[in-house]
Amino acid sequence: MPTFTALTTLMGEDAANALAEAIEKMEPEPTGVGVFEIEDDSGLWEVGAYFLEPPNSALLDVLAMAFDAKPFALSELPEIDWVAKVRRELSPVEAGRFFVFGSHDADKVPADKIALQIEATVAFGTGHHGTTLGCLRAFDRLYEGGFRPAKVADIGAGTAVLAMAAASVLPEALVIASDIDEVAVDVAVANVAINHLEGRIECLEAAGFGHPRLAEAAPFDLVFANILKGPLIQLAPPMAAHLAKDGLIILSGLLVVQAEAVTAAYVAADFTPVSRDDIGEWSTLVLRRN
């Protein structure tokens, strides 16, 4: 069965949420409606809706005009096994000593690499995206330079690939992977089992550091946070509160044009920049707590 999509952009979060609420009342009803900030500091928000039958285009035109949004772009998506498609198209990724792969590429794992098997799922973090790749490379360089954190947290862990990278080379370290999304936590647990790291990584559902276990385990020597600009900036003060003196953080999920704003937020929270790496349009930051 095909899926029909309707996408538009408009200024402001309140207007975007109001438009999304109006779409939810349409006939035929959408199967899902999403509201997302476009992370380019433009102030634009994207509103998208999915339908199992052709949506009422005339009504969408009226809604676009009513909320001062751009005309909806309508499209029909054929029925596709997206997981199978991703598996076919994702090739293995090397990031220093780490080799990230799917089960379909198990025969390609080099003998001299640390293998991390990640399956194509609904959670982000396969290692192919510039943000995850940047974090893996940054951690690999720190490890190569002798950095051996005793406590590691992966905030917004997704598939837990970063937590697993840490656990694989730090056998004595405490490693916690947390995510705000329950499905992502389930995926993380599954990947931890696939990579035979049960008992080495604690997987928690939490928003930021909002879990008693994270407070109990703090201060951390290393924190990964591969999320988005807004949440990263909001996390700056709690990041400082949960990090050990001279501890390091590896941040990504932000565009190159957002790197200075995120850096400034952490400098204000008493961090010192250590390095910045850009991969395509994405940046990865390493900072040290003063």
Protein backbone atom coordinates (compact mmCIF):
# COMPACT_ATOMS: atom_id res chain seq x y z
CA MET A 1 0.00 0.00 0.00
CA PRO A 2 1.49 3.38 -0.95
CA THR A 3 1.93 6.22 1.51
CA PHE A 4 1.07 9.81 0.66
CA THR A 5 3.02 12.69 2.18
CA ALA A 6 2.33 16.40 2.56
CA LEU A 7 5.18 18.70 3.61
CA THR A 8 5.41 22.44 4.21
CA THR A 9 7.49 25.00 6.11
CA LEU A 10 6.54 28.10 8.05
CA MET A 11 7.94 30.52 10.61
CA GLY A 12 7.63 29.87 14.33
CA GLU A 13 7.06 26.89 16.60
CA ASP A 14 3.61 27.94 17.81
CA ALA A 15 2.29 28.36 14.28
CA ALA A 16 3.78 25.00 13.26
CA ASN A 17 2.14 23.22 16.17
CA ALA A 18 -1.18 24.88 15.44
CA LEU A 19 -1.00 23.84 11.79
CA ALA A 20 -0.17 20.26 12.82
CA GLU A 21 -3.26 20.20 15.07
CA ALA A 22 -5.42 21.39 12.18
CA ILE A 23 -4.04 18.68 9.89
CA GLU A 24 -4.85 16.01 12.47
CA LYS A 25 -8.55 16.92 12.14
CA MET A 26 -8.58 16.41 8.36
CA GLU A 27 -10.59 13.82 6.48
CA PRO A 28 -9.11 11.45 5.47
CA GLU A 29 -7.20 11.39 8.72
CA PRO A 30 -3.40 11.34 8.55
CA THR A 31 -1.63 8.33 10.01
CA GLY A 32 0.98 10.63 11.50
CA VAL A 33 1.90 14.31 11.75
CA GLY A 34 5.35 15.62 12.64
CA VAL A 35 6.72 19.06 13.55
CA PHE A 36 10.46 19.67 13.25
CA GLU A 37 12.67 22.71 13.62
CA ILE A 38 14.95 23.24 10.63
CA GLU A 39 18.36 23.40 12.27
CA ASP A 40 19.86 26.26 10.26
CA ASP A 41 18.98 29.21 12.53
CA SER A 42 16.41 30.41 9.98
CA GLY A 43 13.47 30.14 12.40
CA LEU A 44 11.66 27.89 9.95
CA TRP A 45 9.74 24.81 11.03
CA GLU A 46 8.71 21.84 8.90
CA VAL A 47 5.30 20.23 9.23
CA GLY A 48 4.80 16.85 7.59
CA ALA A 49 1.83 14.51 7.42
CA TYR A 50 1.42 10.94 6.19
CA PHE A 51 -1.76 9.49 4.70
CA LEU A 52 -2.81 6.04 3.53
CA GLU A 53 -5.02 7.58 0.83
CA PRO A 54 -4.67 10.79 -1.21
CA PRO A 55 -5.11 13.80 1.09
CA ASN A 56 -7.55 16.63 0.41
CA SER A 57 -5.24 18.94 -1.54
CA ALA A 58 -7.76 21.80 -1.63
CA LEU A 59 -8.03 21.76 2.16
CA LEU A 60 -4.23 21.66 2.48
CA ASP A 61 -4.04 24.76 0.26
CA VAL A 62 -6.49 26.53 2.55
CA LEU A 63 -4.52 25.52 5.66
CA ALA A 64 -1.26 26.72 4.12
CA MET A 65 -2.79 30.11 3.43
CA ALA A 66 -4.41 30.32 6.87
CA PHE A 67 -1.13 29.68 8.69
CA ASP A 68 1.08 31.64 6.28
CA ALA A 69 2.94 28.48 5.27
CA LYS A 70 4.43 27.56 1.93
CA PRO A 71 2.19 25.48 -0.37
CA PHE A 72 2.25 21.82 0.63
CA ALA A 73 4.46 19.55 -1.43
CA LEU A 74 2.48 16.37 -2.05
CA SER A 75 4.04 13.08 -3.05
CA GLU A 76 3.25 9.39 -3.18
CA LEU A 77 5.73 6.92 -1.72
CA PRO A 78 5.68 3.36 -3.05
CA GLU A 79 5.64 0.47 -0.62
CA ILE A 80 9.27 -0.23 0.20
CA ASP A 81 11.00 -2.43 2.72
CA TRP A 82 13.12 0.42 4.04
CA VAL A 83 15.20 -1.70 6.40
CA ALA A 84 16.16 -4.03 3.54
CA LYS A 85 16.93 -1.01 1.35
CA VAL A 86 19.17 0.54 4.01
CA ARG A 87 20.96 -2.74 4.54
CA ARG A 88 21.73 -2.98 0.84
CA GLU A 89 22.98 0.58 0.56
CA LEU A 90 24.97 1.01 3.78
CA SER A 91 28.56 -0.08 3.42
CA PRO A 92 30.85 -0.72 6.40
CA VAL A 93 32.46 2.30 8.06
CA GLU A 94 35.98 2.58 9.45
CA ALA A 95 36.68 5.15 12.16
CA GLY A 96 40.20 4.66 13.44
CA ARG A 97 40.32 1.33 15.26
CA PHE A 98 36.55 0.85 14.93
CA PHE A 99 34.73 -0.97 12.13
CA VAL A 100 30.96 -0.48 12.07
CA PHE A 101 28.99 -2.94 9.95
CA GLY A 102 25.66 -4.66 9.43
CA SER A 103 25.20 -8.42 9.60
CA HIS A 104 25.11 -8.56 5.79
CA ASP A 105 28.78 -7.42 5.79
CA ALA A 106 30.03 -9.72 8.55
CA ASP A 107 32.50 -11.32 6.13
CA LYS A 108 34.25 -7.97 5.56
CA VAL A 109 35.41 -7.33 9.13
CA PRO A 110 39.20 -6.80 9.21
CA ALA A 111 41.08 -8.86 11.75
CA ASP A 112 42.86 -5.81 13.16
CA LYS A 113 39.73 -3.74 13.85
CA ILE A 114 37.25 -3.57 16.72
CA ALA A 115 34.01 -4.70 15.14
CA LEU A 116 30.70 -3.07 16.11
CA GLN A 117 27.64 -4.65 14.53
CA ILE A 118 24.71 -2.24 14.11
CA GLU A 119 21.52 -3.26 12.39
CA ALA A 120 19.40 -0.90 10.30
CA THR A 121 16.53 0.14 12.56
CA VAL A 122 14.29 3.06 13.42
CA ALA A 123 16.96 4.56 15.69
CA PHE A 124 19.75 6.76 14.39
CA GLY A 125 23.43 6.04 14.79
CA THR A 126 24.69 3.48 12.30
CA GLY A 127 28.12 5.11 12.09
CA HIS A 128 27.55 6.31 8.53
CA HIS A 129 26.18 9.72 9.44
CA GLY A 130 28.78 12.48 9.74
CA THR A 131 27.84 13.09 13.37
CA THR A 132 28.32 9.52 14.59
CA LEU A 133 31.41 9.09 12.46
CA GLY A 134 32.85 12.31 13.88
CA CYS A 135 32.26 11.14 17.46
CA LEU A 136 33.91 7.78 16.78
CA ARG A 137 36.93 9.46 15.22
CA ALA A 138 37.23 11.92 18.10
CA PHE A 139 37.07 9.15 20.69
CA ASP A 140 39.59 7.07 18.75
CA ARG A 141 42.07 9.97 18.76
CA LEU A 142 41.60 10.54 22.48
CA TYR A 143 42.12 6.85 23.20
CA GLU A 144 45.20 6.79 20.98
CA GLY A 145 46.55 9.69 23.03
CA GLY A 146 46.22 7.70 26.26
CA PHE A 147 42.82 8.88 27.51
CA ARG A 148 41.25 6.14 29.68
CA PRO A 149 38.00 7.37 31.27
CA ALA A 150 36.68 5.31 34.17
CA LYS A 151 33.06 6.49 33.79
CA VAL A 152 31.38 7.11 30.43
CA ALA A 153 27.87 8.33 29.57
CA ASP A 154 26.31 8.31 26.11
CA ILE A 155 23.41 10.81 26.25
CA GLY A 156 20.93 10.41 23.41
CA ALA A 157 22.53 7.08 22.60
CA GLY A 158 20.26 5.89 19.76
CA THR A 159 21.73 2.55 18.70
CA ALA A 160 24.37 2.87 21.48
CA VAL A 161 27.22 2.63 18.98
CA LEU A 162 29.27 5.23 20.89
CA ALA A 163 28.71 3.53 24.24
CA MET A 164 29.72 0.21 22.68
CA ALA A 165 32.87 1.74 21.22
CA ALA A 166 33.84 2.92 24.69
CA ALA A 167 32.97 -0.37 26.38
CA SER A 168 34.90 -2.37 23.80
CA VAL A 169 38.22 -0.66 24.62
CA LEU A 170 37.61 0.18 28.30
CA PRO A 171 36.87 -3.19 29.94
CA GLU A 172 36.95 -1.77 33.47
CA ALA A 173 34.91 1.38 32.80
CA LEU A 174 31.35 2.06 33.88
CA VAL A 175 29.38 2.80 30.69
CA ILE A 176 25.80 4.11 30.63
CA ALA A 177 23.75 4.68 27.46
CA SER A 178 20.56 6.72 27.76
CA ASP A 179 17.94 7.98 25.34
CA ILE A 180 14.69 9.88 25.64
CA ASP A 181 12.97 7.46 23.25
CA GLU A 182 11.79 4.08 24.55
CA VAL A 183 12.25 2.44 21.13
CA ALA A 184 15.83 3.67 20.93
CA VAL A 185 16.55 2.15 24.34
CA ASP A 186 15.15 -1.18 23.15
CA VAL A 187 17.36 -0.97 20.05
CA ALA A 188 20.37 -0.15 22.23
CA VAL A 189 19.72 -3.18 24.42
CA ALA A 190 19.46 -5.39 21.33
CA ASN A 191 22.71 -4.06 19.86
CA VAL A 192 24.53 -4.49 23.15
CA ALA A 193 23.47 -8.15 23.11
CA ILE A 194 24.45 -8.62 19.45
CA ASN A 195 27.93 -7.34 20.27
CA HIS A 196 28.26 -9.55 23.38
CA LEU A 197 28.53 -6.56 25.71
CA GLU A 198 25.77 -7.57 28.13
CA GLY A 199 26.66 -6.50 31.63
CA ARG A 200 29.09 -3.90 30.30
CA ILE A 201 26.59 -1.17 29.32
CA GLU A 202 23.57 0.04 31.27
CA CYS A 203 20.78 1.23 28.97
CA LEU A 204 18.34 3.76 30.43
CA GLU A 205 15.37 5.81 29.26
CA ALA A 206 16.01 9.42 30.26
CA ALA A 207 15.78 12.99 29.01
CA GLY A 208 19.29 14.38 29.26
CA PHE A 209 20.67 13.56 32.69
CA GLY A 210 17.19 13.13 34.14
CA HIS A 211 17.59 9.68 35.66
CA PRO A 212 18.58 8.76 39.25
CA ARG A 213 21.19 6.30 37.97
CA LEU A 214 23.00 9.02 36.03
CA ALA A 215 23.07 11.24 39.11
CA GLU A 216 24.31 8.34 41.22
CA ALA A 217 27.10 7.42 38.78
CA ALA A 218 28.34 11.00 38.28
CA PRO A 219 30.82 12.54 37.91
CA PHE A 220 31.70 11.11 34.50
CA ASP A 221 35.11 11.33 32.89
CA LEU A 222 33.68 11.26 29.36
CA VAL A 223 30.25 12.13 28.01
CA PHE A 224 29.05 11.66 24.43
CA ALA A 225 26.07 13.76 23.32
CA ASN A 226 25.16 13.31 19.67
CA ILE A 227 21.81 15.06 19.54
CA LEU A 228 20.76 18.53 18.20
CA LYS A 229 21.82 22.14 18.68
CA GLY A 230 18.94 23.17 20.94
CA PRO A 231 19.17 20.27 23.40
CA LEU A 232 22.97 20.51 23.39
CA ILE A 233 22.84 24.14 24.49
CA GLN A 234 20.25 23.32 27.16
CA LEU A 235 22.49 20.51 28.42
CA ALA A 236 25.53 22.76 29.01
CA PRO A 237 24.90 23.50 32.73
CA PRO A 238 23.82 19.93 33.66
CA MET A 239 26.75 18.62 31.61
CA ALA A 240 29.13 20.62 33.79
CA ALA A 241 27.35 19.39 36.92
CA HIS A 242 27.73 15.73 35.92
CA LEU A 243 31.30 15.84 34.58
CA ALA A 244 34.48 15.31 36.58
CA LYS A 245 37.10 18.03 36.76
CA ASP A 246 39.17 17.89 33.55
CA GLY A 247 36.59 15.49 32.10
CA LEU A 248 35.94 15.54 28.37
CA ILE A 249 32.77 15.78 26.32
CA ILE A 250 32.27 14.84 22.67
CA LEU A 251 29.36 16.71 21.11
CA SER A 252 27.75 16.36 17.70
CA GLY A 253 24.42 16.40 15.93
CA LEU A 254 25.04 20.01 14.97
CA LEU A 255 25.65 21.71 11.66
CA VAL A 256 28.90 23.51 10.87
CA VAL A 257 27.04 26.85 11.07
CA GLN A 258 25.87 25.97 14.59
CA ALA A 259 29.25 24.97 16.03
CA GLU A 260 30.19 28.44 17.29
CA ALA A 261 26.90 28.92 19.14
CA VAL A 262 27.19 25.52 20.85
CA THR A 263 30.83 26.15 21.72
CA ALA A 264 29.93 29.52 23.25
CA ALA A 265 27.26 27.91 25.43
CA TYR A 266 29.79 25.44 26.84
CA VAL A 267 32.50 28.05 27.30
CA ALA A 268 29.95 29.98 29.38
CA ALA A 269 29.43 26.78 31.41
CA ASP A 270 33.20 26.68 32.15
CA PHE A 271 34.42 24.36 29.39
CA THR A 272 37.49 24.83 27.22
CA PRO A 273 37.43 23.80 23.54
CA VAL A 274 39.88 21.02 22.68
CA SER A 275 39.12 20.25 19.04
CA ARG A 276 36.58 20.62 16.28
CA ASP A 277 36.17 18.41 13.23
CA ASP A 278 33.86 19.03 10.31
CA ILE A 279 32.61 16.19 8.12
CA GLY A 280 30.58 17.61 5.27
CA GLU A 281 27.97 19.91 6.83
CA TRP A 282 28.31 18.39 10.32
CA SER A 283 30.60 19.33 13.20
CA THR A 284 31.98 17.37 16.13
CA LEU A 285 33.28 19.24 19.19
CA VAL A 286 35.55 18.06 22.00
CA LEU A 287 35.63 20.21 25.12
CA ARG A 288 37.23 19.89 28.58
CA ARG A 289 35.65 20.92 31.86
CA ASN A 290 37.80 23.47 33.67
